[in-house]
Amino acid sequence: MPTLNIKDPEVHRMAHELAARRHTTATGAVRDALAKALAEDDAAIARSRDDVAERILAIGRRSAAKGGRPPLTDDEMYDEDGLPR
């Protein structure tokens, strides 16, 4: 079985205090705390992705609202040798 060797006395103290408050073991308290932290990180990452997606969509909406000419084609951007014009 893998082990985790925590050498910080304050971490040990906090784990045992949390365990006592929750009527569990130090291992259970650490497991629960880590699971909660990981879930919070997952939620933050999902929110961040949603924010990025929304910002990209907003840029697209603003761009579409301005109208203008369509994007350049490959023929307009590159010469017959494939080099930028």
PDB file of N, CA and C in Angstrom:
ATOM      1  N   MET A   1       0.848  -1.172   0.000  1.00  0.00           N
ATOM      2  CA  MET A   1       0.000   0.000   0.000  1.00  0.00           C
ATOM      3  C   MET A   1       0.901   1.245   0.000  1.00  0.00           C
ATOM      4  N   PRO A   2       0.620   2.231  -0.889  1.00  0.00           N
ATOM      5  CA  PRO A   2       1.429   3.448  -0.901  1.00  0.00           C
ATOM      6  C   PRO A   2       1.224   4.250   0.385  1.00  0.00           C
ATOM      7  N   THR A   3       2.266   4.956   0.748  1.00  0.00           N
ATOM      8  CA  THR A   3       2.183   5.790   1.950  1.00  0.00           C
ATOM      9  C   THR A   3       2.492   7.237   1.590  1.00  0.00           C
ATOM     10  N   LEU A   4       2.052   8.119   2.431  1.00  0.00           N
ATOM     11  CA  LEU A   4       2.330   9.541   2.294  1.00  0.00           C
ATOM     12  C   LEU A   4       2.994   9.966   3.588  1.00  0.00           C
ATOM     13  N   ASN A   5       4.222  10.408   3.496  1.00  0.00           N
ATOM     14  CA  ASN A   5       4.991  10.762   4.679  1.00  0.00           C
ATOM     15  C   ASN A   5       4.988  12.282   4.820  1.00  0.00           C
ATOM     16  N   ILE A   6       4.153  12.795   5.697  1.00  0.00           N
ATOM     17  CA  ILE A   6       4.054  14.229   5.948  1.00  0.00           C
ATOM     18  C   ILE A   6       4.986  14.582   7.094  1.00  0.00           C
ATOM     19  N   LYS A   7       5.928  15.477   6.822  1.00  0.00           N
ATOM     20  CA  LYS A   7       6.923  15.816   7.841  1.00  0.00           C
ATOM     21  C   LYS A   7       6.643  17.144   8.525  1.00  0.00           C
ATOM     22  N   ASP A   8       5.573  17.803   8.121  1.00  0.00           N
ATOM     23  CA  ASP A   8       5.228  19.100   8.707  1.00  0.00           C
ATOM     24  C   ASP A   8       4.331  18.885   9.927  1.00  0.00           C
ATOM     25  N   PRO A   9       4.803  19.241  11.113  1.00  0.00           N
ATOM     26  CA  PRO A   9       3.995  19.017  12.323  1.00  0.00           C
ATOM     27  C   PRO A   9       2.663  19.769  12.299  1.00  0.00           C
ATOM     28  N   GLU A  10       2.636  20.924  11.678  1.00  0.00           N
ATOM     29  CA  GLU A  10       1.388  21.704  11.605  1.00  0.00           C
ATOM     30  C   GLU A  10       0.354  20.976  10.750  1.00  0.00           C
ATOM     31  N   VAL A  11       0.793  20.336   9.684  1.00  0.00           N
ATOM     32  CA  VAL A  11      -0.127  19.566   8.841  1.00  0.00           C
ATOM     33  C   VAL A  11      -0.687  18.394   9.637  1.00  0.00           C
ATOM     34  N   HIS A  12       0.151  17.735  10.398  1.00  0.00           N
ATOM     35  CA  HIS A  12      -0.328  16.642  11.263  1.00  0.00           C
ATOM     36  C   HIS A  12      -1.353  17.170  12.264  1.00  0.00           C
ATOM     37  N   ARG A  13      -1.051  18.289  12.885  1.00  0.00           N
ATOM     38  CA  ARG A  13      -1.965  18.861  13.871  1.00  0.00           C
ATOM     39  C   ARG A  13      -3.313  19.177  13.231  1.00  0.00           C
ATOM     40  N   MET A  14      -3.273  19.825  12.059  1.00  0.00           N
ATOM     41  CA  MET A  14      -4.524  20.195  11.386  1.00  0.00           C
ATOM     42  C   MET A  14      -5.316  18.956  10.966  1.00  0.00           C
ATOM     43  N   ALA A  15      -4.629  17.932  10.467  1.00  0.00           N
ATOM     44  CA  ALA A  15      -5.318  16.709  10.050  1.00  0.00           C
ATOM     45  C   ALA A  15      -6.017  16.060  11.242  1.00  0.00           C
ATOM     46  N   HIS A  16      -5.339  16.013  12.365  1.00  0.00           N
ATOM     47  CA  HIS A  16      -5.939  15.395  13.554  1.00  0.00           C
ATOM     48  C   HIS A  16      -7.062  16.262  14.133  1.00  0.00           C
ATOM     49  N   GLU A  17      -6.904  17.569  14.063  1.00  0.00           N
ATOM     50  CA  GLU A  17      -7.980  18.447  14.529  1.00  0.00           C
ATOM     51  C   GLU A  17      -9.223  18.286  13.664  1.00  0.00           C
ATOM     52  N   LEU A  18      -9.030  18.285  12.357  1.00  0.00           N
ATOM     53  CA  LEU A  18     -10.169  18.098  11.450  1.00  0.00           C
ATOM     54  C   LEU A  18     -10.807  16.732  11.665  1.00  0.00           C
ATOM     55  N   ALA A  19      -9.979  15.717  11.868  1.00  0.00           N
ATOM     56  CA  ALA A  19     -10.497  14.368  12.122  1.00  0.00           C
ATOM     57  C   ALA A  19     -11.351  14.344  13.384  1.00  0.00           C
ATOM     58  N   ALA A  20     -10.883  15.009  14.429  1.00  0.00           N
ATOM     59  CA  ALA A  20     -11.641  15.035  15.679  1.00  0.00           C
ATOM     60  C   ALA A  20     -12.969  15.763  15.492  1.00  0.00           C
ATOM     61  N   ARG A  21     -12.944  16.879  14.777  1.00  0.00           N
ATOM     62  CA  ARG A  21     -14.184  17.638  14.546  1.00  0.00           C
ATOM     63  C   ARG A  21     -15.196  16.836  13.738  1.00  0.00           C
ATOM     64  N   ARG A  22     -14.705  16.030  12.812  1.00  0.00           N
ATOM     65  CA  ARG A  22     -15.592  15.286  11.917  1.00  0.00           C
ATOM     66  C   ARG A  22     -15.802  13.841  12.353  1.00  0.00           C
ATOM     67  N   HIS A  23     -15.233  13.490  13.478  1.00  0.00           N
ATOM     68  CA  HIS A  23     -15.381  12.131  14.015  1.00  0.00           C
ATOM     69  C   HIS A  23     -14.938  11.085  12.988  1.00  0.00           C
ATOM     70  N   THR A  24     -13.742  11.271  12.486  1.00  0.00           N
ATOM     71  CA  THR A  24     -13.165  10.350  11.514  1.00  0.00           C
ATOM     72  C   THR A  24     -11.687  10.188  11.829  1.00  0.00           C
ATOM     73  N   THR A  25     -10.985   9.506  10.962  1.00  0.00           N
ATOM     74  CA  THR A  25      -9.538   9.344  11.135  1.00  0.00           C
ATOM     75  C   THR A  25      -8.810  10.498  10.443  1.00  0.00           C
ATOM     76  N   ALA A  26      -7.529  10.630  10.750  1.00  0.00           N
ATOM     77  CA  ALA A  26      -6.718  11.644  10.071  1.00  0.00           C
ATOM     78  C   ALA A  26      -6.695  11.353   8.571  1.00  0.00           C
ATOM     79  N   THR A  27      -6.592  10.083   8.218  1.00  0.00           N
ATOM     80  CA  THR A  27      -6.609   9.709   6.799  1.00  0.00           C
ATOM     81  C   THR A  27      -7.930  10.110   6.155  1.00  0.00           C
ATOM     82  N   GLY A  28      -9.037   9.841   6.839  1.00  0.00           N
ATOM     83  CA  GLY A  28     -10.349  10.219   6.317  1.00  0.00           C
ATOM     84  C   GLY A  28     -10.485  11.722   6.163  1.00  0.00           C
ATOM     85  N   ALA A  29      -9.986  12.468   7.138  1.00  0.00           N
ATOM     86  CA  ALA A  29     -10.063  13.927   7.076  1.00  0.00           C
ATOM     87  C   ALA A  29      -9.247  14.466   5.909  1.00  0.00           C
ATOM     88  N   VAL A  30      -8.038  13.931   5.732  1.00  0.00           N
ATOM     89  CA  VAL A  30      -7.189  14.372   4.623  1.00  0.00           C
ATOM     90  C   VAL A  30      -7.829  13.983   3.297  1.00  0.00           C
ATOM     91  N   ARG A  31      -8.345  12.748   3.196  1.00  0.00           N
ATOM     92  CA  ARG A  31      -9.005  12.306   1.966  1.00  0.00           C
ATOM     93  C   ARG A  31     -10.169  13.225   1.616  1.00  0.00           C
ATOM     94  N   ASP A  32     -11.019  13.532   2.610  1.00  0.00           N
ATOM     95  CA  ASP A  32     -12.175  14.397   2.364  1.00  0.00           C
ATOM     96  C   ASP A  32     -11.742  15.808   1.961  1.00  0.00           C
ATOM     97  N   ALA A  33     -10.720  16.335   2.642  1.00  0.00           N
ATOM     98  CA  ALA A  33     -10.242  17.677   2.323  1.00  0.00           C
ATOM     99  C   ALA A  33      -9.658  17.729   0.911  1.00  0.00           C
ATOM    100  N   LEU A  34      -8.900  16.694   0.542  1.00  0.00           N
ATOM    101  CA  LEU A  34      -8.325  16.648  -0.803  1.00  0.00           C
ATOM    102  C   LEU A  34      -9.411  16.484  -1.861  1.00  0.00           C
ATOM    103  N   ALA A  35     -10.398  15.642  -1.594  1.00  0.00           N
ATOM    104  CA  ALA A  35     -11.503  15.454  -2.539  1.00  0.00           C
ATOM    105  C   ALA A  35     -12.250  16.769  -2.746  1.00  0.00           C
ATOM    106  N   LYS A  36     -12.479  17.501  -1.660  1.00  0.00           N
ATOM    107  CA  LYS A  36     -13.164  18.787  -1.770  1.00  0.00           C
ATOM    108  C   LYS A  36     -12.321  19.779  -2.570  1.00  0.00           C
ATOM    109  N   ALA A  37     -11.021  19.830  -2.308  1.00  0.00           N
ATOM    110  CA  ALA A  37     -10.133  20.750  -3.029  1.00  0.00           C
ATOM    111  C   ALA A  37     -10.092  20.405  -4.517  1.00  0.00           C
ATOM    112  N   LEU A  38     -10.026  19.118  -4.844  1.00  0.00           N
ATOM    113  CA  LEU A  38     -10.008  18.710  -6.240  1.00  0.00           C
ATOM    114  C   LEU A  38     -11.322  19.060  -6.939  1.00  0.00           C
ATOM    115  N   ALA A  39     -12.440  18.863  -6.261  1.00  0.00           N
ATOM    116  CA  ALA A  39     -13.743  19.210  -6.835  1.00  0.00           C
ATOM    117  C   ALA A  39     -13.838  20.714  -7.074  1.00  0.00           C
ATOM    118  N   GLU A  40     -13.335  21.502  -6.122  1.00  0.00           N
ATOM    119  CA  GLU A  40     -13.346  22.955  -6.289  1.00  0.00           C
ATOM    120  C   GLU A  40     -12.468  23.374  -7.465  1.00  0.00           C
ATOM    121  N   ASP A  41     -11.315  22.725  -7.618  1.00  0.00           N
ATOM    122  CA  ASP A  41     -10.446  23.018  -8.760  1.00  0.00           C
ATOM    123  C   ASP A  41     -11.126  22.652 -10.073  1.00  0.00           C
ATOM    124  N   ASP A  42     -11.780  21.489 -10.104  1.00  0.00           N
ATOM    125  CA  ASP A  42     -12.500  21.084 -11.313  1.00  0.00           C
ATOM    126  C   ASP A  42     -13.560  22.107 -11.680  1.00  0.00           C
ATOM    127  N   ALA A  43     -14.295  22.584 -10.679  1.00  0.00           N
ATOM    128  CA  ALA A  43     -15.340  23.579 -10.924  1.00  0.00           C
ATOM    129  C   ALA A  43     -14.727  24.889 -11.421  1.00  0.00           C
ATOM    130  N   ALA A  44     -13.603  25.294 -10.841  1.00  0.00           N
ATOM    131  CA  ALA A  44     -12.942  26.533 -11.269  1.00  0.00           C
ATOM    132  C   ALA A  44     -12.441  26.405 -12.704  1.00  0.00           C
ATOM    133  N   ILE A  45     -11.908  25.245 -13.052  1.00  0.00           N
ATOM    134  CA  ILE A  45     -11.436  25.027 -14.419  1.00  0.00           C
ATOM    135  C   ILE A  45     -12.607  25.081 -15.391  1.00  0.00           C
ATOM    136  N   ALA A  46     -13.724  24.464 -15.029  1.00  0.00           N
ATOM    137  CA  ALA A  46     -14.910  24.487 -15.890  1.00  0.00           C
ATOM    138  C   ALA A  46     -15.415  25.911 -16.065  1.00  0.00           C
ATOM    139  N   ARG A  47     -15.435  26.692 -14.970  1.00  0.00           N
ATOM    140  CA  ARG A  47     -15.871  28.088 -15.081  1.00  0.00           C
ATOM    141  C   ARG A  47     -14.931  28.873 -15.981  1.00  0.00           C
ATOM    142  N   SER A  48     -13.644  28.630 -15.848  1.00  0.00           N
ATOM    143  CA  SER A  48     -12.652  29.320 -16.663  1.00  0.00           C
ATOM    144  C   SER A  48     -12.859  29.000 -18.142  1.00  0.00           C
ATOM    145  N   ARG A  49     -13.089  27.722 -18.445  1.00  0.00           N
ATOM    146  CA  ARG A  49     -13.349  27.332 -19.840  1.00  0.00           C
ATOM    147  C   ARG A  49     -14.611  27.999 -20.360  1.00  0.00           C
ATOM    148  N   ASP A  50     -15.648  28.025 -19.530  1.00  0.00           N
ATOM    149  CA  ASP A  50     -16.894  28.672 -19.940  1.00  0.00           C
ATOM    150  C   ASP A  50     -16.660  30.158 -20.197  1.00  0.00           C
ATOM    151  N   ASP A  51     -15.856  30.801 -19.336  1.00  0.00           N
ATOM    152  CA  ASP A  51     -15.558  32.224 -19.516  1.00  0.00           C
ATOM    153  C   ASP A  51     -14.809  32.465 -20.818  1.00  0.00           C
ATOM    154  N   VAL A  52     -13.834  31.627 -21.117  1.00  0.00           N
ATOM    155  CA  VAL A  52     -13.066  31.771 -22.355  1.00  0.00           C
ATOM    156  C   VAL A  52     -13.979  31.575 -23.548  1.00  0.00           C
ATOM    157  N   ALA A  53     -14.806  30.542 -23.505  1.00  0.00           N
ATOM    158  CA  ALA A  53     -15.722  30.284 -24.615  1.00  0.00           C
ATOM    159  C   ALA A  53     -16.670  31.462 -24.810  1.00  0.00           C
ATOM    160  N   GLU A  54     -17.184  32.006 -23.723  1.00  0.00           N
ATOM    161  CA  GLU A  54     -18.098  33.145 -23.836  1.00  0.00           C
ATOM    162  C   GLU A  54     -17.394  34.365 -24.420  1.00  0.00           C
ATOM    163  N   ARG A  55     -16.148  34.610 -24.001  1.00  0.00           N
ATOM    164  CA  ARG A  55     -15.403  35.749 -24.557  1.00  0.00           C
ATOM    165  C   ARG A  55     -15.156  35.569 -26.048  1.00  0.00           C
ATOM    166  N   ILE A  56     -14.832  34.349 -26.466  1.00  0.00           N
ATOM    167  CA  ILE A  56     -14.615  34.097 -27.896  1.00  0.00           C
ATOM    168  C   ILE A  56     -15.909  34.299 -28.668  1.00  0.00           C
ATOM    169  N   LEU A  57     -17.018  33.798 -28.134  1.00  0.00           N
ATOM    170  CA  LEU A  57     -18.307  33.986 -28.804  1.00  0.00           C
ATOM    171  C   LEU A  57     -18.669  35.471 -28.882  1.00  0.00           C
ATOM    172  N   ALA A  58     -18.371  36.222 -27.822  1.00  0.00           N
ATOM    173  CA  ALA A  58     -18.661  37.664 -27.830  1.00  0.00           C
ATOM    174  C   ALA A  58     -17.849  38.367 -28.910  1.00  0.00           C
ATOM    175  N   ILE A  59     -16.601  37.978 -29.064  1.00  0.00           N
ATOM    176  CA  ILE A  59     -15.771  38.556 -30.128  1.00  0.00           C
ATOM    177  C   ILE A  59     -16.392  38.251 -31.485  1.00  0.00           C
ATOM    178  N   GLY A  60     -16.828  37.017 -31.667  1.00  0.00           N
ATOM    179  CA  GLY A  60     -17.470  36.647 -32.925  1.00  0.00           C
ATOM    180  C   GLY A  60     -18.740  37.432 -33.178  1.00  0.00           C
ATOM    181  N   ARG A  61     -19.544  37.641 -32.129  1.00  0.00           N
ATOM    182  CA  ARG A  61     -20.787  38.419 -32.295  1.00  0.00           C
ATOM    183  C   ARG A  61     -20.479  39.866 -32.664  1.00  0.00           C
ATOM    184  N   ARG A  62     -19.480  40.455 -31.986  1.00  0.00           N
ATOM    185  CA  ARG A  62     -19.110  41.844 -32.324  1.00  0.00           C
ATOM    186  C   ARG A  62     -18.581  41.937 -33.743  1.00  0.00           C
ATOM    187  N   SER A  63     -17.782  40.977 -34.120  1.00  0.00           N
ATOM    188  CA  SER A  63     -17.222  40.975 -35.473  1.00  0.00           C
ATOM    189  C   SER A  63     -18.330  40.827 -36.511  1.00  0.00           C
ATOM    190  N   ALA A  64     -19.259  39.916 -36.273  1.00  0.00           N
ATOM    191  CA  ALA A  64     -20.353  39.707 -37.217  1.00  0.00           C
ATOM    192  C   ALA A  64     -21.238  40.943 -37.311  1.00  0.00           C
ATOM    193  N   ALA A  65     -21.422  41.630 -36.192  1.00  0.00           N
ATOM    194  CA  ALA A  65     -22.266  42.824 -36.189  1.00  0.00           C
ATOM    195  C   ALA A  65     -21.649  43.952 -37.001  1.00  0.00           C
ATOM    196  N   LYS A  66     -20.333  43.975 -37.091  1.00  0.00           N
ATOM    197  CA  LYS A  66     -19.663  45.033 -37.854  1.00  0.00           C
ATOM    198  C   LYS A  66     -19.751  44.802 -39.350  1.00  0.00           C
ATOM    199  N   GLY A  67     -20.086  43.588 -39.743  1.00  0.00           N
ATOM    200  CA  GLY A  67     -20.169  43.295 -41.172  1.00  0.00           C
ATOM    201  C   GLY A  67     -18.786  43.337 -41.788  1.00  0.00           C
ATOM    202  N   GLY A  68     -18.671  44.032 -42.913  1.00  0.00           N
ATOM    203  CA  GLY A  68     -17.371  44.145 -43.558  1.00  0.00           C
ATOM    204  C   GLY A  68     -17.146  43.030 -44.553  1.00  0.00           C
ATOM    205  N   ARG A  69     -15.945  43.008 -45.040  1.00  0.00           N
ATOM    206  CA  ARG A  69     -15.645  42.022 -46.067  1.00  0.00           C
ATOM    207  C   ARG A  69     -15.378  40.657 -45.446  1.00  0.00           C
ATOM    208  N   PRO A  70     -15.598  39.592 -46.209  1.00  0.00           N
ATOM    209  CA  PRO A  70     -15.337  38.252 -45.697  1.00  0.00           C
ATOM    210  C   PRO A  70     -13.835  38.046 -45.479  1.00  0.00           C
ATOM    211  N   PRO A  71     -13.475  37.017 -44.751  1.00  0.00           N
ATOM    212  CA  PRO A  71     -12.053  36.749 -44.528  1.00  0.00           C
ATOM    213  C   PRO A  71     -11.324  36.516 -45.844  1.00  0.00           C
ATOM    214  N   LEU A  72     -10.029  36.750 -45.820  1.00  0.00           N
ATOM    215  CA  LEU A  72      -9.221  36.527 -47.014  1.00  0.00           C
ATOM    216  C   LEU A  72      -9.169  35.040 -47.360  1.00  0.00           C
ATOM    217  N   THR A  73      -9.103  34.773 -48.647  1.00  0.00           N
ATOM    218  CA  THR A  73      -8.945  33.392 -49.103  1.00  0.00           C
ATOM    219  C   THR A  73      -7.457  33.065 -49.147  1.00  0.00           C
ATOM    220  N   ASP A  74      -7.149  31.791 -49.321  1.00  0.00           N
ATOM    221  CA  ASP A  74      -5.749  31.389 -49.456  1.00  0.00           C
ATOM    222  C   ASP A  74      -5.095  32.064 -50.648  1.00  0.00           C
ATOM    223  N   ASP A  75      -5.844  32.189 -51.751  1.00  0.00           N
ATOM    224  CA  ASP A  75      -5.288  32.830 -52.944  1.00  0.00           C
ATOM    225  C   ASP A  75      -4.942  34.293 -52.697  1.00  0.00           C
ATOM    226  N   GLU A  76      -5.711  34.946 -51.831  1.00  0.00           N
ATOM    227  CA  GLU A  76      -5.432  36.355 -51.514  1.00  0.00           C
ATOM    228  C   GLU A  76      -4.251  36.492 -50.556  1.00  0.00           C
ATOM    229  N   MET A  77      -4.049  35.491 -49.709  1.00  0.00           N
ATOM    230  CA  MET A  77      -2.992  35.587 -48.697  1.00  0.00           C
ATOM    231  C   MET A  77      -1.647  35.060 -49.184  1.00  0.00           C
ATOM    232  N   TYR A  78      -1.649  34.090 -50.133  1.00  0.00           N
ATOM    233  CA  TYR A  78      -0.406  33.449 -50.569  1.00  0.00           C
ATOM    234  C   TYR A  78      -0.256  33.513 -52.062  1.00  0.00           C
ATOM    235  N   ASP A  79       0.984  33.631 -52.526  1.00  0.00           N
ATOM    236  CA  ASP A  79       1.231  33.642 -53.965  1.00  0.00           C
ATOM    237  C   ASP A  79       1.271  32.220 -54.495  1.00  0.00           C
ATOM    238  N   GLU A  80       1.580  32.077 -55.790  1.00  0.00           N
ATOM    239  CA  GLU A  80       1.550  30.769 -56.437  1.00  0.00           C
ATOM    240  C   GLU A  80       2.603  29.793 -55.886  1.00  0.00           C
ATOM    241  N   ASP A  81       3.616  30.331 -55.158  1.00  0.00           N
ATOM    242  CA  ASP A  81       4.629  29.483 -54.543  1.00  0.00           C
ATOM    243  C   ASP A  81       4.317  29.175 -53.077  1.00  0.00           C
ATOM    244  N   GLY A  82       3.155  29.635 -52.620  1.00  0.00           N
ATOM    245  CA  GLY A  82       2.764  29.393 -51.232  1.00  0.00           C
ATOM    246  C   GLY A  82       3.366  30.345 -50.231  1.00  0.00           C
ATOM    247  N   LEU A  83       3.989  31.417 -50.714  1.00  0.00           N
ATOM    248  CA  LEU A  83       4.592  32.405 -49.823  1.00  0.00           C
ATOM    249  C   LEU A  83       3.592  33.525 -49.525  1.00  0.00           C
ATOM    250  N   PRO A  84       3.685  34.107 -48.352  1.00  0.00           N
ATOM    251  CA  PRO A  84       2.763  35.206 -48.033  1.00  0.00           C
ATOM    252  C   PRO A  84       2.942  36.353 -49.006  1.00  0.00           C
ATOM    253  N   ARG A  85       1.840  36.957 -49.364  1.00  0.00           N
ATOM    254  CA  ARG A  85       1.888  38.128 -50.275  1.00  0.00           C
ATOM    255  C   ARG A  85       2.326  39.341 -49.518  1.00  0.00           C
TER     256      ARG A  85
END
